[in-house]
Amino acid sequence: MSKRLPRRGATLAKAIIEEYQPKSVEDMQNALKEIFGPMFEAMLNGEMENHLGYMSNERSEKDTANRRNGYTPKVLKTS
């Protein structure tokens, strides 16, 4: 019987652990945020471009009144 090759997920998990060397659950959460954060941001930007029908900062005539106003820091006040 042949030896099973490691799956991509197992290889990726091993690389993440070797690179970040997490000592706690919080360390692992921070590592995953650093890895997946930019990926999710890129996916959301792509979804927005698809929804609006044009890329961010595009200056051409638009088919819709929807506009992108950019990014500003926001503070949420709760009571």
PDB file of N, CA and C in Angstrom:
ATOM      1  N   MET A   1       0.847  -1.168   0.000  1.00  0.00           N
ATOM      2  CA  MET A   1       0.000   0.000   0.000  1.00  0.00           C
ATOM      3  C   MET A   1       0.898   1.238   0.000  1.00  0.00           C
ATOM      4  N   SER A   2       0.550   2.234  -0.824  1.00  0.00           N
ATOM      5  CA  SER A   2       1.376   3.435  -0.916  1.00  0.00           C
ATOM      6  C   SER A   2       1.071   4.394   0.232  1.00  0.00           C
ATOM      7  N   LYS A   3       2.065   5.189   0.547  1.00  0.00           N
ATOM      8  CA  LYS A   3       1.941   6.170   1.620  1.00  0.00           C
ATOM      9  C   LYS A   3       1.106   7.350   1.122  1.00  0.00           C
ATOM     10  N   ARG A   4       0.197   7.838   1.955  1.00  0.00           N
ATOM     11  CA  ARG A   4      -0.647   8.970   1.570  1.00  0.00           C
ATOM     12  C   ARG A   4       0.163  10.255   1.603  1.00  0.00           C
ATOM     13  N   LEU A   5      -0.044  11.080   0.607  1.00  0.00           N
ATOM     14  CA  LEU A   5       0.607  12.379   0.574  1.00  0.00           C
ATOM     15  C   LEU A   5      -0.130  13.341   1.498  1.00  0.00           C
ATOM     16  N   PRO A   6       0.607  14.234   2.163  1.00  0.00           N
ATOM     17  CA  PRO A   6      -0.074  15.187   3.049  1.00  0.00           C
ATOM     18  C   PRO A   6      -0.972  16.120   2.237  1.00  0.00           C
ATOM     19  N   ARG A   7      -2.095  16.451   2.780  1.00  0.00           N
ATOM     20  CA  ARG A   7      -3.027  17.355   2.125  1.00  0.00           C
ATOM     21  C   ARG A   7      -2.496  18.779   2.205  1.00  0.00           C
ATOM     22  N   ARG A   8      -2.993  19.620   1.318  1.00  0.00           N
ATOM     23  CA  ARG A   8      -2.574  21.025   1.316  1.00  0.00           C
ATOM     24  C   ARG A   8      -2.871  21.696   2.647  1.00  0.00           C
ATOM     25  N   GLY A   9      -4.036  21.403   3.209  1.00  0.00           N
ATOM     26  CA  GLY A   9      -4.423  22.016   4.474  1.00  0.00           C
ATOM     27  C   GLY A   9      -3.455  21.682   5.590  1.00  0.00           C
ATOM     28  N   ALA A  10      -3.036  20.429   5.661  1.00  0.00           N
ATOM     29  CA  ALA A  10      -2.090  20.017   6.697  1.00  0.00           C
ATOM     30  C   ALA A  10      -0.744  20.689   6.488  1.00  0.00           C
ATOM     31  N   THR A  11      -0.322  20.799   5.236  1.00  0.00           N
ATOM     32  CA  THR A  11       0.945  21.457   4.929  1.00  0.00           C
ATOM     33  C   THR A  11       0.872  22.933   5.281  1.00  0.00           C
ATOM     34  N   LEU A  12      -0.236  23.570   4.948  1.00  0.00           N
ATOM     35  CA  LEU A  12      -0.417  24.985   5.254  1.00  0.00           C
ATOM     36  C   LEU A  12      -0.472  25.215   6.760  1.00  0.00           C
ATOM     37  N   ALA A  13      -1.192  24.366   7.480  1.00  0.00           N
ATOM     38  CA  ALA A  13      -1.284  24.491   8.934  1.00  0.00           C
ATOM     39  C   ALA A  13       0.091  24.366   9.576  1.00  0.00           C
ATOM     40  N   LYS A  14       0.888  23.424   9.105  1.00  0.00           N
ATOM     41  CA  LYS A  14       2.239  23.245   9.644  1.00  0.00           C
ATOM     42  C   LYS A  14       3.092  24.482   9.379  1.00  0.00           C
ATOM     43  N   ALA A  15       2.972  25.054   8.185  1.00  0.00           N
ATOM     44  CA  ALA A  15       3.744  26.255   7.843  1.00  0.00           C
ATOM     45  C   ALA A  15       3.334  27.439   8.713  1.00  0.00           C
ATOM     46  N   ILE A  16       2.037  27.581   8.976  1.00  0.00           N
ATOM     47  CA  ILE A  16       1.557  28.675   9.831  1.00  0.00           C
ATOM     48  C   ILE A  16       2.104  28.520  11.242  1.00  0.00           C
ATOM     49  N   ILE A  17       2.048  27.319  11.770  1.00  0.00           N
ATOM     50  CA  ILE A  17       2.544  27.078  13.125  1.00  0.00           C
ATOM     51  C   ILE A  17       4.043  27.326  13.208  1.00  0.00           C
ATOM     52  N   GLU A  18       4.793  26.899  12.198  1.00  0.00           N
ATOM     53  CA  GLU A  18       6.238  27.133  12.195  1.00  0.00           C
ATOM     54  C   GLU A  18       6.563  28.620  12.094  1.00  0.00           C
ATOM     55  N   GLU A  19       5.807  29.351  11.277  1.00  0.00           N
ATOM     56  CA  GLU A  19       6.072  30.773  11.071  1.00  0.00           C
ATOM     57  C   GLU A  19       5.702  31.612  12.290  1.00  0.00           C
ATOM     58  N   TYR A  20       4.508  31.393  12.849  1.00  0.00           N
ATOM     59  CA  TYR A  20       4.004  32.243  13.932  1.00  0.00           C
ATOM     60  C   TYR A  20       4.316  31.705  15.325  1.00  0.00           C
ATOM     61  N   GLN A  21       4.569  30.438  15.457  1.00  0.00           N
ATOM     62  CA  GLN A  21       4.879  29.785  16.727  1.00  0.00           C
ATOM     63  C   GLN A  21       3.939  30.233  17.847  1.00  0.00           C
ATOM     64  N   PRO A  22       2.637  29.987  17.682  1.00  0.00           N
ATOM     65  CA  PRO A  22       1.678  30.433  18.697  1.00  0.00           C
ATOM     66  C   PRO A  22       1.856  29.673  20.005  1.00  0.00           C
ATOM     67  N   LYS A  23       1.741  30.403  21.097  1.00  0.00           N
ATOM     68  CA  LYS A  23       1.868  29.804  22.425  1.00  0.00           C
ATOM     69  C   LYS A  23       0.511  29.698  23.125  1.00  0.00           C
ATOM     70  N   SER A  24      -0.489  30.392  22.587  1.00  0.00           N
ATOM     71  CA  SER A  24      -1.819  30.367  23.191  1.00  0.00           C
ATOM     72  C   SER A  24      -2.873  30.454  22.094  1.00  0.00           C
ATOM     73  N   VAL A  25      -4.110  30.293  22.498  1.00  0.00           N
ATOM     74  CA  VAL A  25      -5.217  30.408  21.552  1.00  0.00           C
ATOM     75  C   VAL A  25      -5.262  31.827  20.993  1.00  0.00           C
ATOM     76  N   GLU A  26      -5.002  32.816  21.834  1.00  0.00           N
ATOM     77  CA  GLU A  26      -5.000  34.215  21.390  1.00  0.00           C
ATOM     78  C   GLU A  26      -3.919  34.449  20.335  1.00  0.00           C
ATOM     79  N   ASP A  27      -2.743  33.872  20.520  1.00  0.00           N
ATOM     80  CA  ASP A  27      -1.673  33.986  19.517  1.00  0.00           C
ATOM     81  C   ASP A  27      -2.125  33.393  18.185  1.00  0.00           C
ATOM     82  N   MET A  28      -2.813  32.262  18.248  1.00  0.00           N
ATOM     83  CA  MET A  28      -3.283  31.617  17.023  1.00  0.00           C
ATOM     84  C   MET A  28      -4.360  32.457  16.349  1.00  0.00           C
ATOM     85  N   GLN A  29      -5.261  33.048  17.138  1.00  0.00           N
ATOM     86  CA  GLN A  29      -6.292  33.919  16.576  1.00  0.00           C
ATOM     87  C   GLN A  29      -5.662  35.123  15.879  1.00  0.00           C
ATOM     88  N   ASN A  30      -4.648  35.716  16.496  1.00  0.00           N
ATOM     89  CA  ASN A  30      -3.971  36.861  15.890  1.00  0.00           C
ATOM     90  C   ASN A  30      -3.274  36.467  14.592  1.00  0.00           C
ATOM     91  N   ALA A  31      -2.670  35.300  14.561  1.00  0.00           N
ATOM     92  CA  ALA A  31      -2.010  34.828  13.341  1.00  0.00           C
ATOM     93  C   ALA A  31      -3.028  34.630  12.224  1.00  0.00           C
ATOM     94  N   LEU A  32      -4.161  34.023  12.554  1.00  0.00           N
ATOM     95  CA  LEU A  32      -5.191  33.792  11.541  1.00  0.00           C
ATOM     96  C   LEU A  32      -5.794  35.099  11.040  1.00  0.00           C
ATOM     97  N   LYS A  33      -5.952  36.089  11.930  1.00  0.00           N
ATOM     98  CA  LYS A  33      -6.437  37.405  11.503  1.00  0.00           C
ATOM     99  C   LYS A  33      -5.468  38.028  10.512  1.00  0.00           C
ATOM    100  N   GLU A  34      -4.186  37.925  10.810  1.00  0.00           N
ATOM    101  CA  GLU A  34      -3.160  38.500   9.937  1.00  0.00           C
ATOM    102  C   GLU A  34      -3.141  37.808   8.574  1.00  0.00           C
ATOM    103  N   ILE A  35      -3.398  36.516   8.563  1.00  0.00           N
ATOM    104  CA  ILE A  35      -3.370  35.752   7.312  1.00  0.00           C
ATOM    105  C   ILE A  35      -4.655  35.955   6.510  1.00  0.00           C
ATOM    106  N   PHE A  36      -5.800  35.788   7.168  1.00  0.00           N
ATOM    107  CA  PHE A  36      -7.070  35.808   6.448  1.00  0.00           C
ATOM    108  C   PHE A  36      -7.650  37.201   6.254  1.00  0.00           C
ATOM    109  N   GLY A  37      -7.262  38.166   7.076  1.00  0.00           N
ATOM    110  CA  GLY A  37      -7.801  39.519   6.964  1.00  0.00           C
ATOM    111  C   GLY A  37      -7.651  40.112   5.575  1.00  0.00           C
ATOM    112  N   PRO A  38      -6.430  40.172   5.024  1.00  0.00           N
ATOM    113  CA  PRO A  38      -6.270  40.727   3.676  1.00  0.00           C
ATOM    114  C   PRO A  38      -7.019  39.934   2.606  1.00  0.00           C
ATOM    115  N   MET A  39      -7.122  38.629   2.793  1.00  0.00           N
ATOM    116  CA  MET A  39      -7.833  37.803   1.816  1.00  0.00           C
ATOM    117  C   MET A  39      -9.325  38.153   1.807  1.00  0.00           C
ATOM    118  N   PHE A  40      -9.928  38.264   2.993  1.00  0.00           N
ATOM    119  CA  PHE A  40     -11.343  38.611   3.067  1.00  0.00           C
ATOM    120  C   PHE A  40     -11.588  40.028   2.562  1.00  0.00           C
ATOM    121  N   GLU A  41     -10.684  40.953   2.864  1.00  0.00           N
ATOM    122  CA  GLU A  41     -10.814  42.331   2.391  1.00  0.00           C
ATOM    123  C   GLU A  41     -10.797  42.378   0.866  1.00  0.00           C
ATOM    124  N   ALA A  42      -9.904  41.624   0.245  1.00  0.00           N
ATOM    125  CA  ALA A  42      -9.829  41.580  -1.218  1.00  0.00           C
ATOM    126  C   ALA A  42     -11.108  40.979  -1.810  1.00  0.00           C
ATOM    127  N   MET A  43     -11.645  39.936  -1.170  1.00  0.00           N
ATOM    128  CA  MET A  43     -12.888  39.334  -1.663  1.00  0.00           C
ATOM    129  C   MET A  43     -14.056  40.307  -1.547  1.00  0.00           C
ATOM    130  N   LEU A  44     -14.136  41.035  -0.432  1.00  0.00           N
ATOM    131  CA  LEU A  44     -15.220  41.997  -0.259  1.00  0.00           C
ATOM    132  C   LEU A  44     -15.110  43.150  -1.247  1.00  0.00           C
ATOM    133  N   ASN A  45     -13.885  43.617  -1.517  1.00  0.00           N
ATOM    134  CA  ASN A  45     -13.694  44.674  -2.511  1.00  0.00           C
ATOM    135  C   ASN A  45     -14.108  44.194  -3.893  1.00  0.00           C
ATOM    136  N   GLY A  46     -13.766  42.966  -4.235  1.00  0.00           N
ATOM    137  CA  GLY A  46     -14.173  42.399  -5.517  1.00  0.00           C
ATOM    138  C   GLY A  46     -15.681  42.280  -5.626  1.00  0.00           C
ATOM    139  N   GLU A  47     -16.326  41.891  -4.536  1.00  0.00           N
ATOM    140  CA  GLU A  47     -17.783  41.791  -4.527  1.00  0.00           C
ATOM    141  C   GLU A  47     -18.420  43.168  -4.719  1.00  0.00           C
ATOM    142  N   MET A  48     -17.848  44.195  -4.082  1.00  0.00           N
ATOM    143  CA  MET A  48     -18.373  45.551  -4.223  1.00  0.00           C
ATOM    144  C   MET A  48     -18.205  46.052  -5.654  1.00  0.00           C
ATOM    145  N   GLU A  49     -17.044  45.795  -6.257  1.00  0.00           N
ATOM    146  CA  GLU A  49     -16.816  46.201  -7.644  1.00  0.00           C
ATOM    147  C   GLU A  49     -17.806  45.510  -8.580  1.00  0.00           C
ATOM    148  N   ASN A  50     -18.070  44.243  -8.332  1.00  0.00           N
ATOM    149  CA  ASN A  50     -19.032  43.503  -9.148  1.00  0.00           C
ATOM    150  C   ASN A  50     -20.442  44.062  -8.963  1.00  0.00           C
ATOM    151  N   HIS A  51     -20.800  44.381  -7.736  1.00  0.00           N
ATOM    152  CA  HIS A  51     -22.137  44.901  -7.442  1.00  0.00           C
ATOM    153  C   HIS A  51     -22.352  46.277  -8.073  1.00  0.00           C
ATOM    154  N   LEU A  52     -21.363  47.169  -7.938  1.00  0.00           N
ATOM    155  CA  LEU A  52     -21.506  48.527  -8.463  1.00  0.00           C
ATOM    156  C   LEU A  52     -21.256  48.602  -9.963  1.00  0.00           C
ATOM    157  N   GLY A  53     -20.461  47.680 -10.486  1.00  0.00           N
ATOM    158  CA  GLY A  53     -20.197  47.669 -11.918  1.00  0.00           C
ATOM    159  C   GLY A  53     -18.997  48.491 -12.339  1.00  0.00           C
ATOM    160  N   TYR A  54     -18.217  48.984 -11.386  1.00  0.00           N
ATOM    161  CA  TYR A  54     -16.999  49.731 -11.711  1.00  0.00           C
ATOM    162  C   TYR A  54     -16.003  49.593 -10.569  1.00  0.00           C
ATOM    163  N   MET A  55     -14.735  49.862 -10.879  1.00  0.00           N
ATOM    164  CA  MET A  55     -13.673  49.725  -9.889  1.00  0.00           C
ATOM    165  C   MET A  55     -13.575  50.977  -9.027  1.00  0.00           C
ATOM    166  N   SER A  56     -12.976  50.845  -7.873  1.00  0.00           N
ATOM    167  CA  SER A  56     -12.752  51.972  -6.988  1.00  0.00           C
ATOM    168  C   SER A  56     -11.888  53.017  -7.685  1.00  0.00           C
ATOM    169  N   ASN A  57     -12.203  54.282  -7.491  1.00  0.00           N
ATOM    170  CA  ASN A  57     -11.471  55.427  -8.065  1.00  0.00           C
ATOM    171  C   ASN A  57     -11.592  55.525  -9.575  1.00  0.00           C
ATOM    172  N   GLU A  58     -12.506  54.804 -10.185  1.00  0.00           N
ATOM    173  CA  GLU A  58     -12.708  54.906 -11.628  1.00  0.00           C
ATOM    174  C   GLU A  58     -13.421  56.223 -11.921  1.00  0.00           C
ATOM    175  N   ARG A  59     -12.913  56.976 -12.893  1.00  0.00           N
ATOM    176  CA  ARG A  59     -13.435  58.314 -13.178  1.00  0.00           C
ATOM    177  C   ARG A  59     -14.402  58.366 -14.359  1.00  0.00           C
ATOM    178  N   SER A  60     -14.648  57.267 -15.018  1.00  0.00           N
ATOM    179  CA  SER A  60     -15.509  57.272 -16.202  1.00  0.00           C
ATOM    180  C   SER A  60     -16.980  57.459 -15.816  1.00  0.00           C
ATOM    181  N   GLU A  61     -17.807  57.695 -16.819  1.00  0.00           N
ATOM    182  CA  GLU A  61     -19.250  57.861 -16.619  1.00  0.00           C
ATOM    183  C   GLU A  61     -19.834  56.570 -16.046  1.00  0.00           C
ATOM    184  N   LYS A  62     -20.693  56.692 -15.052  1.00  0.00           N
ATOM    185  CA  LYS A  62     -21.267  55.528 -14.379  1.00  0.00           C
ATOM    186  C   LYS A  62     -22.702  55.304 -14.843  1.00  0.00           C
ATOM    187  N   ASP A  63     -23.135  54.046 -14.835  1.00  0.00           N
ATOM    188  CA  ASP A  63     -24.508  53.689 -15.196  1.00  0.00           C
ATOM    189  C   ASP A  63     -25.471  53.852 -14.026  1.00  0.00           C
ATOM    190  N   THR A  64     -24.940  54.073 -12.839  1.00  0.00           N
ATOM    191  CA  THR A  64     -25.758  54.102 -11.636  1.00  0.00           C
ATOM    192  C   THR A  64     -25.413  55.324 -10.793  1.00  0.00           C
ATOM    193  N   ALA A  65     -26.303  55.674  -9.874  1.00  0.00           N
ATOM    194  CA  ALA A  65     -26.056  56.799  -8.975  1.00  0.00           C
ATOM    195  C   ALA A  65     -25.241  56.368  -7.756  1.00  0.00           C
ATOM    196  N   ASN A  66     -25.027  55.066  -7.587  1.00  0.00           N
ATOM    197  CA  ASN A  66     -24.212  54.589  -6.470  1.00  0.00           C
ATOM    198  C   ASN A  66     -22.796  55.114  -6.600  1.00  0.00           C
ATOM    199  N   ARG A  67     -22.228  55.590  -5.513  1.00  0.00           N
ATOM    200  CA  ARG A  67     -20.863  56.107  -5.517  1.00  0.00           C
ATOM    201  C   ARG A  67     -20.099  55.531  -4.338  1.00  0.00           C
ATOM    202  N   ARG A  68     -18.809  55.442  -4.527  1.00  0.00           N
ATOM    203  CA  ARG A  68     -17.926  54.999  -3.452  1.00  0.00           C
ATOM    204  C   ARG A  68     -17.313  56.239  -2.833  1.00  0.00           C
ATOM    205  N   ASN A  69     -17.488  56.402  -1.550  1.00  0.00           N
ATOM    206  CA  ASN A  69     -16.993  57.592  -0.877  1.00  0.00           C
ATOM    207  C   ASN A  69     -15.639  57.380  -0.217  1.00  0.00           C
ATOM    208  N   GLY A  70     -15.093  56.208  -0.287  1.00  0.00           N
ATOM    209  CA  GLY A  70     -13.792  55.951   0.323  1.00  0.00           C
ATOM    210  C   GLY A  70     -13.923  55.361   1.712  1.00  0.00           C
ATOM    211  N   TYR A  71     -12.824  55.408   2.433  1.00  0.00           N
ATOM    212  CA  TYR A  71     -12.761  54.818   3.760  1.00  0.00           C
ATOM    213  C   TYR A  71     -12.427  55.894   4.779  1.00  0.00           C
ATOM    214  N   THR A  72     -13.114  55.894   5.881  1.00  0.00           N
ATOM    215  CA  THR A  72     -12.792  56.784   6.990  1.00  0.00           C
ATOM    216  C   THR A  72     -12.878  55.974   8.273  1.00  0.00           C
ATOM    217  N   PRO A  73     -12.037  56.307   9.242  1.00  0.00           N
ATOM    218  CA  PRO A  73     -12.130  55.596  10.519  1.00  0.00           C
ATOM    219  C   PRO A  73     -13.445  55.949  11.216  1.00  0.00           C
ATOM    220  N   LYS A  74     -14.032  54.984  11.859  1.00  0.00           N
ATOM    221  CA  LYS A  74     -15.303  55.195  12.535  1.00  0.00           C
ATOM    222  C   LYS A  74     -15.215  54.682  13.966  1.00  0.00           C
ATOM    223  N   VAL A  75     -15.924  55.365  14.848  1.00  0.00           N
ATOM    224  CA  VAL A  75     -15.984  54.959  16.244  1.00  0.00           C
ATOM    225  C   VAL A  75     -17.437  54.657  16.566  1.00  0.00           C
ATOM    226  N   LEU A  76     -17.681  53.507  17.111  1.00  0.00           N
ATOM    227  CA  LEU A  76     -19.025  53.104  17.483  1.00  0.00           C
ATOM    228  C   LEU A  76     -19.222  53.388  18.961  1.00  0.00           C
ATOM    229  N   LYS A  77     -20.221  54.215  19.271  1.00  0.00           N
ATOM    230  CA  LYS A  77     -20.526  54.538  20.665  1.00  0.00           C
ATOM    231  C   LYS A  77     -21.699  53.684  21.107  1.00  0.00           C
ATOM    232  N   THR A  78     -21.530  52.989  22.207  1.00  0.00           N
ATOM    233  CA  THR A  78     -22.604  52.163  22.743  1.00  0.00           C
ATOM    234  C   THR A  78     -22.966  52.653  24.129  1.00  0.00           C
ATOM    235  N   SER A  79     -24.164  52.363  24.543  1.00  0.00           N
ATOM    236  CA  SER A  79     -24.585  52.810  25.873  1.00  0.00           C
ATOM    237  C   SER A  79     -24.548  51.681  26.862  1.00  0.00           C
TER     238      SER A  79
END
